[in-house]
Each structure stands twice: as C-alpha cells, then as structure tokens.
Amino acid sequence: MRVSPRTKVSTFKKRFEEEFGVNIKCHKGMSMGHIADDSDELHEICTGMEVNRDFKLNISGNMKVSTVEKEVADSLGFLIQVLNPDGSNAKNSRTLGDVRRDYSGGSKKPSGVSVKNQSSEKKGCLTAIAIVPFLWFLFT
C-alpha cells in the first residue's frame, strides 16, 4: 500500500480498510493517548515524516496485529491500532487475516442448520409448489 504524507487520516483509514478489510485507529505520533483527527494530514501526526516522497507499507494477512502496527509506526512515524468489528482493539497475537474474517463473519455455517438441511428444505418447498395446483384441480 502506497501512502502519501499529504493523505488525510480519514482517507488513510478508508484505504486501509479497503485493502486489508479491517478498521484502524490512528494516533498522533507515538503517543497512545492522542487520537488523530480525521481531517489531519499524515505528515501532521507523524514524527519526522518526509513530505516530498511516498511511503510503501509491506503488510499481508498472515502478519500478526503487533507486526502490522509496528510496520506502520516504523514506516510512517505514528501509531495505529487494528480494531475488531465491535471497535475494541484486536489482540496482538492474532493475524490480520483472522481479524478480517471476523468482519466478514468467518466461514462458519449458521448455528443449528446444516447445508444439507437447507438444501432438502428448498426441495420440499419446490415440490409443494408443484403439487398444490394439481391438488387444487382435483378437489375443485
């Protein structure tokens, strides 16, 4: 992901979500206590960022949350926190891919209903739809 120092925090967060499938929180510099305003530009919240060149983040889904956060801090000079879908901070030991699956609901089947049951229920409905007009014709 290429990042320009002139990018607004809101744009950076949106692009991060589009590319990696998770939300983040941006801090001013290396301080966990100060959340960056969405209207700030990245060079305004970083420590020592060059303004005249773009930066490249090397992030992948198999990286741990702590590694992703460190990559941003080392490359861009400010802290981020990867967020769970409920807005809480993701655990550092999880991978970015694990957190992303939480956003999409994972690959779990709905509880109590198997795929086989769903298929047979559909067949039963189609059979009933096909038979009802025939039965109506016989009994009227």
N, C-alpha and C. Protein backbone atom coordinates (compact mmCIF):
# COMPACT_ATOMS: atom_id res chain seq x y z
N MET A 1 0.85 -1.17 0.00
CA MET A 1 0.00 0.00 0.00
C MET A 1 0.90 1.23 0.00
N ARG A 2 0.70 2.09 -1.00
CA ARG A 2 1.47 3.32 -1.09
C ARG A 2 0.75 4.42 -0.32
N VAL A 3 1.52 5.22 0.40
CA VAL A 3 0.95 6.26 1.24
C VAL A 3 1.68 7.58 1.00
N SER A 4 0.90 8.62 0.75
CA SER A 4 1.46 9.96 0.59
C SER A 4 1.35 10.70 1.93
N PRO A 5 2.37 11.45 2.30
CA PRO A 5 2.31 12.22 3.54
C PRO A 5 1.19 13.25 3.56
N ARG A 6 0.71 13.64 2.40
CA ARG A 6 -0.36 14.64 2.29
C ARG A 6 -1.76 14.00 2.40
N THR A 7 -1.81 12.68 2.55
CA THR A 7 -3.09 11.98 2.68
C THR A 7 -3.75 12.34 4.01
N LYS A 8 -5.03 12.57 3.98
CA LYS A 8 -5.77 12.84 5.22
C LYS A 8 -5.93 11.53 6.00
N VAL A 9 -6.01 11.64 7.31
CA VAL A 9 -6.18 10.48 8.18
C VAL A 9 -7.43 9.69 7.77
N SER A 10 -8.53 10.38 7.48
CA SER A 10 -9.77 9.71 7.09
C SER A 10 -9.58 8.88 5.82
N THR A 11 -8.83 9.41 4.86
CA THR A 11 -8.56 8.70 3.61
C THR A 11 -7.66 7.49 3.87
N PHE A 12 -6.64 7.67 4.71
CA PHE A 12 -5.75 6.57 5.05
C PHE A 12 -6.53 5.42 5.70
N LYS A 13 -7.40 5.75 6.65
CA LYS A 13 -8.20 4.72 7.32
C LYS A 13 -9.13 4.00 6.34
N LYS A 14 -9.72 4.75 5.43
CA LYS A 14 -10.62 4.16 4.44
C LYS A 14 -9.85 3.23 3.50
N ARG A 15 -8.70 3.69 3.02
CA ARG A 15 -7.88 2.86 2.12
C ARG A 15 -7.36 1.62 2.82
N PHE A 16 -7.00 1.76 4.10
CA PHE A 16 -6.53 0.62 4.87
C PHE A 16 -7.65 -0.43 4.97
N GLU A 17 -8.86 0.05 5.24
CA GLU A 17 -9.99 -0.87 5.33
C GLU A 17 -10.27 -1.54 3.99
N GLU A 18 -10.21 -0.79 2.90
CA GLU A 18 -10.45 -1.36 1.58
C GLU A 18 -9.41 -2.40 1.21
N GLU A 19 -8.16 -2.13 1.55
CA GLU A 19 -7.08 -3.04 1.16
C GLU A 19 -6.94 -4.24 2.08
N PHE A 20 -7.14 -4.05 3.38
CA PHE A 20 -6.88 -5.13 4.33
C PHE A 20 -8.13 -5.65 5.04
N GLY A 21 -9.26 -4.98 4.85
CA GLY A 21 -10.52 -5.49 5.36
C GLY A 21 -10.78 -5.28 6.85
N VAL A 22 -10.02 -4.38 7.48
CA VAL A 22 -10.21 -4.10 8.91
C VAL A 22 -10.16 -2.59 9.15
N ASN A 23 -10.78 -2.16 10.22
CA ASN A 23 -10.72 -0.76 10.62
C ASN A 23 -9.51 -0.53 11.52
N ILE A 24 -9.03 0.70 11.52
CA ILE A 24 -7.92 1.07 12.38
C ILE A 24 -8.22 2.39 13.08
N LYS A 25 -7.47 2.62 14.13
CA LYS A 25 -7.50 3.89 14.85
C LYS A 25 -6.09 4.47 14.73
N CYS A 26 -5.99 5.76 14.38
CA CYS A 26 -4.69 6.41 14.22
C CYS A 26 -4.43 7.34 15.40
N HIS A 27 -3.19 7.33 15.88
CA HIS A 27 -2.78 8.18 16.99
C HIS A 27 -1.85 9.27 16.48
N LYS A 28 -1.76 10.35 17.22
CA LYS A 28 -0.81 11.41 16.89
C LYS A 28 0.57 10.98 17.34
N GLY A 29 1.47 10.84 16.40
CA GLY A 29 2.83 10.44 16.71
C GLY A 29 2.89 9.08 17.37
N MET A 30 3.77 8.96 18.35
CA MET A 30 3.97 7.69 19.02
C MET A 30 3.26 7.66 20.37
N SER A 31 2.26 8.52 20.53
CA SER A 31 1.52 8.61 21.78
C SER A 31 0.20 7.87 21.66
N MET A 32 -0.04 6.93 22.57
CA MET A 32 -1.30 6.19 22.58
C MET A 32 -2.44 7.05 23.12
N GLY A 33 -2.13 8.15 23.76
CA GLY A 33 -3.15 8.96 24.41
C GLY A 33 -3.85 9.95 23.52
N HIS A 34 -3.34 10.21 22.34
CA HIS A 34 -3.91 11.25 21.50
C HIS A 34 -4.37 10.66 20.16
N ILE A 35 -5.68 10.61 19.96
CA ILE A 35 -6.24 10.11 18.71
C ILE A 35 -6.13 11.21 17.65
N ALA A 36 -5.72 10.83 16.46
CA ALA A 36 -5.59 11.80 15.37
C ALA A 36 -6.98 12.17 14.84
N ASP A 37 -7.12 13.43 14.48
CA ASP A 37 -8.36 13.90 13.86
C ASP A 37 -8.41 13.41 12.41
N ASP A 38 -9.61 13.06 11.94
CA ASP A 38 -9.75 12.59 10.57
C ASP A 38 -9.35 13.64 9.54
N SER A 39 -9.42 14.91 9.91
CA SER A 39 -9.09 15.99 8.98
C SER A 39 -7.58 16.27 8.90
N ASP A 40 -6.80 15.71 9.82
CA ASP A 40 -5.34 15.91 9.81
C ASP A 40 -4.73 15.19 8.61
N GLU A 41 -3.62 15.74 8.11
CA GLU A 41 -2.83 15.03 7.11
C GLU A 41 -1.79 14.20 7.85
N LEU A 42 -1.36 13.10 7.21
CA LEU A 42 -0.45 12.17 7.88
C LEU A 42 0.84 12.84 8.34
N HIS A 43 1.39 13.76 7.52
CA HIS A 43 2.64 14.40 7.92
C HIS A 43 2.46 15.26 9.17
N GLU A 44 1.22 15.63 9.50
CA GLU A 44 0.96 16.44 10.69
C GLU A 44 0.92 15.60 11.97
N ILE A 45 0.68 14.30 11.84
CA ILE A 45 0.58 13.46 13.03
C ILE A 45 1.79 12.57 13.24
N CYS A 46 2.74 12.61 12.32
CA CYS A 46 3.88 11.70 12.42
C CYS A 46 5.07 12.37 13.10
N THR A 47 6.06 11.55 13.37
CA THR A 47 7.30 12.09 13.92
C THR A 47 8.38 11.95 12.85
N GLY A 48 8.71 13.06 12.22
CA GLY A 48 9.82 13.08 11.25
C GLY A 48 9.51 12.53 9.88
N MET A 49 8.27 12.56 9.44
CA MET A 49 7.94 12.04 8.11
C MET A 49 8.38 13.04 7.04
N GLU A 50 9.02 12.51 6.01
CA GLU A 50 9.37 13.34 4.87
C GLU A 50 8.09 13.65 4.10
N VAL A 51 7.94 14.88 3.66
CA VAL A 51 6.71 15.30 2.99
C VAL A 51 6.80 15.10 1.47
N ASN A 52 7.99 15.04 0.94
CA ASN A 52 8.17 15.04 -0.52
C ASN A 52 8.26 13.66 -1.16
N ARG A 53 7.96 12.61 -0.44
CA ARG A 53 8.01 11.29 -1.07
C ARG A 53 6.91 10.40 -0.51
N ASP A 54 6.50 9.43 -1.31
CA ASP A 54 5.50 8.46 -0.86
C ASP A 54 6.19 7.33 -0.10
N PHE A 55 5.41 6.65 0.72
CA PHE A 55 5.91 5.53 1.51
C PHE A 55 5.16 4.27 1.12
N LYS A 56 5.82 3.13 1.25
CA LYS A 56 5.18 1.86 0.93
C LYS A 56 5.11 1.02 2.20
N LEU A 57 3.89 0.57 2.50
CA LEU A 57 3.70 -0.33 3.63
C LEU A 57 3.72 -1.76 3.12
N ASN A 58 4.51 -2.61 3.76
CA ASN A 58 4.57 -4.02 3.40
C ASN A 58 3.78 -4.82 4.43
N ILE A 59 2.50 -5.01 4.15
CA ILE A 59 1.60 -5.67 5.09
C ILE A 59 0.89 -6.80 4.36
N SER A 60 0.74 -7.93 5.05
CA SER A 60 -0.01 -9.05 4.49
C SER A 60 -0.91 -9.66 5.56
N GLY A 61 -1.87 -10.44 5.13
CA GLY A 61 -2.86 -11.03 6.03
C GLY A 61 -2.31 -12.00 7.04
N ASN A 62 -1.14 -12.60 6.76
CA ASN A 62 -0.59 -13.58 7.71
C ASN A 62 0.28 -12.94 8.78
N MET A 63 0.38 -11.61 8.76
CA MET A 63 1.16 -10.90 9.78
C MET A 63 0.35 -10.75 11.05
N LYS A 64 1.02 -10.82 12.18
CA LYS A 64 0.36 -10.59 13.47
C LYS A 64 -0.01 -9.11 13.58
N VAL A 65 -1.06 -8.84 14.33
CA VAL A 65 -1.53 -7.47 14.55
C VAL A 65 -0.38 -6.61 15.07
N SER A 66 0.39 -7.13 16.02
CA SER A 66 1.51 -6.36 16.58
C SER A 66 2.54 -6.01 15.51
N THR A 67 2.77 -6.91 14.56
CA THR A 67 3.72 -6.66 13.48
C THR A 67 3.20 -5.61 12.52
N VAL A 68 1.90 -5.66 12.22
CA VAL A 68 1.28 -4.66 11.34
C VAL A 68 1.40 -3.27 11.97
N GLU A 69 1.06 -3.19 13.25
CA GLU A 69 1.13 -1.91 13.95
C GLU A 69 2.57 -1.38 14.00
N LYS A 70 3.53 -2.27 14.18
CA LYS A 70 4.95 -1.87 14.21
C LYS A 70 5.41 -1.42 12.82
N GLU A 71 4.95 -2.09 11.78
CA GLU A 71 5.30 -1.71 10.41
C GLU A 71 4.85 -0.28 10.11
N VAL A 72 3.64 0.07 10.51
CA VAL A 72 3.15 1.43 10.29
C VAL A 72 3.97 2.43 11.11
N ALA A 73 4.21 2.10 12.37
CA ALA A 73 4.98 3.01 13.23
C ALA A 73 6.39 3.23 12.67
N ASP A 74 7.05 2.15 12.26
CA ASP A 74 8.41 2.25 11.74
C ASP A 74 8.46 2.99 10.39
N SER A 75 7.47 2.72 9.53
CA SER A 75 7.48 3.30 8.18
C SER A 75 6.94 4.73 8.13
N LEU A 76 5.89 5.00 8.93
CA LEU A 76 5.20 6.28 8.81
C LEU A 76 5.40 7.20 10.01
N GLY A 77 5.81 6.67 11.15
CA GLY A 77 6.10 7.51 12.30
C GLY A 77 4.92 7.85 13.19
N PHE A 78 3.86 7.05 13.12
CA PHE A 78 2.75 7.22 14.05
C PHE A 78 2.14 5.85 14.36
N LEU A 79 1.45 5.79 15.47
CA LEU A 79 0.86 4.53 15.92
C LEU A 79 -0.54 4.34 15.35
N ILE A 80 -0.85 3.08 15.06
CA ILE A 80 -2.23 2.71 14.74
C ILE A 80 -2.60 1.57 15.67
N GLN A 81 -3.89 1.32 15.76
CA GLN A 81 -4.38 0.13 16.44
C GLN A 81 -5.38 -0.53 15.51
N VAL A 82 -5.18 -1.82 15.27
CA VAL A 82 -6.13 -2.59 14.47
C VAL A 82 -7.33 -2.88 15.35
N LEU A 83 -8.53 -2.70 14.79
CA LEU A 83 -9.75 -2.83 15.58
C LEU A 83 -10.56 -4.06 15.19
N ASN A 84 -11.19 -4.65 16.19
CA ASN A 84 -12.17 -5.71 15.96
C ASN A 84 -13.43 -5.07 15.39
N PRO A 85 -14.35 -5.88 14.84
CA PRO A 85 -15.60 -5.32 14.31
C PRO A 85 -16.40 -4.51 15.33
N ASP A 86 -16.27 -4.83 16.62
CA ASP A 86 -17.02 -4.10 17.65
C ASP A 86 -16.32 -2.81 18.09
N GLY A 87 -15.17 -2.49 17.49
CA GLY A 87 -14.44 -1.27 17.81
C GLY A 87 -13.38 -1.42 18.88
N SER A 88 -13.31 -2.59 19.51
CA SER A 88 -12.27 -2.83 20.51
C SER A 88 -10.94 -3.13 19.81
N ASN A 89 -9.85 -3.01 20.56
CA ASN A 89 -8.53 -3.28 19.99
C ASN A 89 -8.36 -4.78 19.75
N ALA A 90 -7.85 -5.12 18.57
CA ALA A 90 -7.58 -6.52 18.26
C ALA A 90 -6.37 -7.00 19.07
N LYS A 91 -6.39 -8.25 19.45
CA LYS A 91 -5.26 -8.81 20.21
C LYS A 91 -4.02 -8.88 19.32
N ASN A 92 -2.88 -8.54 19.91
CA ASN A 92 -1.62 -8.52 19.17
C ASN A 92 -1.21 -9.89 18.64
N SER A 93 -1.66 -10.95 19.28
CA SER A 93 -1.26 -12.30 18.88
C SER A 93 -2.04 -12.84 17.68
N ARG A 94 -3.12 -12.17 17.30
CA ARG A 94 -3.92 -12.63 16.16
C ARG A 94 -3.31 -12.13 14.86
N THR A 95 -3.62 -12.81 13.76
CA THR A 95 -3.15 -12.33 12.47
C THR A 95 -4.18 -11.36 11.89
N LEU A 96 -3.73 -10.55 10.97
CA LEU A 96 -4.62 -9.61 10.30
C LEU A 96 -5.73 -10.36 9.58
N GLY A 97 -5.40 -11.51 9.00
CA GLY A 97 -6.40 -12.34 8.32
C GLY A 97 -7.47 -12.85 9.28
N ASP A 98 -7.07 -13.23 10.49
CA ASP A 98 -8.05 -13.68 11.49
C ASP A 98 -9.03 -12.56 11.82
N VAL A 99 -8.52 -11.37 12.01
CA VAL A 99 -9.37 -10.23 12.35
C VAL A 99 -10.28 -9.91 11.16
N ARG A 100 -9.74 -9.96 9.95
CA ARG A 100 -10.54 -9.69 8.74
C ARG A 100 -11.70 -10.68 8.63
N ARG A 101 -11.47 -11.95 8.95
CA ARG A 101 -12.54 -12.95 8.90
C ARG A 101 -13.65 -12.63 9.90
N ASP A 102 -13.29 -12.02 11.02
CA ASP A 102 -14.32 -11.60 11.99
C ASP A 102 -15.25 -10.55 11.37
N TYR A 103 -14.70 -9.69 10.51
CA TYR A 103 -15.52 -8.66 9.85
C TYR A 103 -16.50 -9.29 8.87
N SER A 104 -16.06 -10.32 8.18
CA SER A 104 -16.91 -10.94 7.16
C SER A 104 -17.78 -12.06 7.73
N GLY A 105 -17.69 -12.29 9.02
CA GLY A 105 -18.49 -13.35 9.64
C GLY A 105 -17.82 -14.70 9.58
N GLY A 106 -16.62 -14.76 9.09
CA GLY A 106 -15.90 -16.03 9.04
C GLY A 106 -16.52 -16.98 8.04
N SER A 107 -16.14 -18.23 8.11
CA SER A 107 -16.66 -19.24 7.19
C SER A 107 -17.54 -20.23 7.92
N LYS A 108 -18.06 -19.81 9.08
CA LYS A 108 -18.89 -20.71 9.86
C LYS A 108 -20.27 -20.84 9.24
N LYS A 109 -20.86 -22.04 9.37
CA LYS A 109 -22.25 -22.25 8.94
C LYS A 109 -23.17 -21.66 10.00
N PRO A 110 -24.39 -21.30 9.63
CA PRO A 110 -25.33 -20.83 10.64
C PRO A 110 -25.56 -21.91 11.69
N SER A 111 -25.67 -21.49 12.95
CA SER A 111 -25.79 -22.47 14.02
C SER A 111 -27.09 -23.25 13.92
N GLY A 112 -27.00 -24.56 14.09
CA GLY A 112 -28.18 -25.41 14.12
C GLY A 112 -28.74 -25.77 12.77
N VAL A 113 -28.24 -25.23 11.68
CA VAL A 113 -28.77 -25.56 10.37
C VAL A 113 -27.61 -26.00 9.49
N SER A 114 -27.67 -27.21 9.02
CA SER A 114 -26.60 -27.69 8.15
C SER A 114 -26.94 -27.35 6.71
N VAL A 115 -25.94 -27.40 5.86
CA VAL A 115 -26.15 -27.12 4.45
C VAL A 115 -27.08 -28.17 3.85
N LYS A 116 -26.95 -29.40 4.29
CA LYS A 116 -27.80 -30.48 3.79
C LYS A 116 -29.27 -30.19 4.12
N ASN A 117 -29.56 -29.76 5.35
CA ASN A 117 -30.93 -29.43 5.75
C ASN A 117 -31.49 -28.29 4.92
N GLN A 118 -30.68 -27.27 4.65
CA GLN A 118 -31.15 -26.14 3.86
C GLN A 118 -31.52 -26.62 2.46
N SER A 119 -30.73 -27.49 1.87
CA SER A 119 -30.99 -27.99 0.53
C SER A 119 -32.27 -28.81 0.48
N SER A 120 -32.47 -29.69 1.45
CA SER A 120 -33.67 -30.52 1.44
C SER A 120 -34.92 -29.69 1.72
N GLU A 121 -34.79 -28.62 2.52
CA GLU A 121 -35.93 -27.73 2.76
C GLU A 121 -36.33 -27.04 1.47
N LYS A 122 -35.36 -26.65 0.65
CA LYS A 122 -35.66 -26.00 -0.62
C LYS A 122 -36.37 -26.96 -1.55
N LYS A 123 -35.91 -28.22 -1.60
CA LYS A 123 -36.54 -29.21 -2.45
C LYS A 123 -37.98 -29.44 -2.01
N GLY A 124 -38.22 -29.48 -0.70
CA GLY A 124 -39.57 -29.68 -0.18
C GLY A 124 -40.49 -28.55 -0.58
N CYS A 125 -40.01 -27.33 -0.55
CA CYS A 125 -40.80 -26.17 -0.95
C CYS A 125 -41.15 -26.24 -2.43
N LEU A 126 -40.16 -26.60 -3.25
CA LEU A 126 -40.42 -26.69 -4.69
C LEU A 126 -41.42 -27.79 -5.00
N THR A 127 -41.33 -28.90 -4.31
CA THR A 127 -42.28 -29.99 -4.51
C THR A 127 -43.68 -29.54 -4.15
N ALA A 128 -43.82 -28.86 -3.04
CA ALA A 128 -45.14 -28.38 -2.61
C ALA A 128 -45.70 -27.39 -3.61
N ILE A 129 -44.88 -26.51 -4.13
CA ILE A 129 -45.34 -25.52 -5.11
C ILE A 129 -45.82 -26.22 -6.38
N ALA A 130 -45.14 -27.29 -6.77
CA ALA A 130 -45.53 -28.02 -7.98
C ALA A 130 -46.80 -28.83 -7.77
N ILE A 131 -47.06 -29.37 -6.57
CA ILE A 131 -48.19 -30.25 -6.31
C ILE A 131 -49.47 -29.48 -5.99
N VAL A 132 -49.38 -28.33 -5.36
CA VAL A 132 -50.56 -27.59 -4.92
C VAL A 132 -51.53 -27.31 -6.07
N PRO A 133 -51.09 -26.81 -7.23
CA PRO A 133 -52.07 -26.56 -8.31
C PRO A 133 -52.76 -27.85 -8.77
N PHE A 134 -52.01 -28.95 -8.80
CA PHE A 134 -52.59 -30.24 -9.21
C PHE A 134 -53.65 -30.68 -8.22
N LEU A 135 -53.37 -30.56 -6.93
CA LEU A 135 -54.35 -30.93 -5.91
C LEU A 135 -55.56 -30.02 -5.95
N TRP A 136 -55.35 -28.77 -6.20
CA TRP A 136 -56.45 -27.82 -6.28
C TRP A 136 -57.38 -28.21 -7.43
N PHE A 137 -56.80 -28.60 -8.57
CA PHE A 137 -57.56 -29.01 -9.73
C PHE A 137 -58.38 -30.26 -9.43
N LEU A 138 -57.81 -31.23 -8.71
CA LEU A 138 -58.51 -32.49 -8.40
C LEU A 138 -59.68 -32.28 -7.44
N PHE A 139 -59.54 -31.41 -6.49
CA PHE A 139 -60.54 -31.27 -5.45
C PHE A 139 -61.52 -30.10 -5.67
N THR A 140 -61.46 -29.44 -6.79
CA THR A 140 -62.43 -28.37 -7.03
C THR A 140 -63.37 -28.73 -8.14
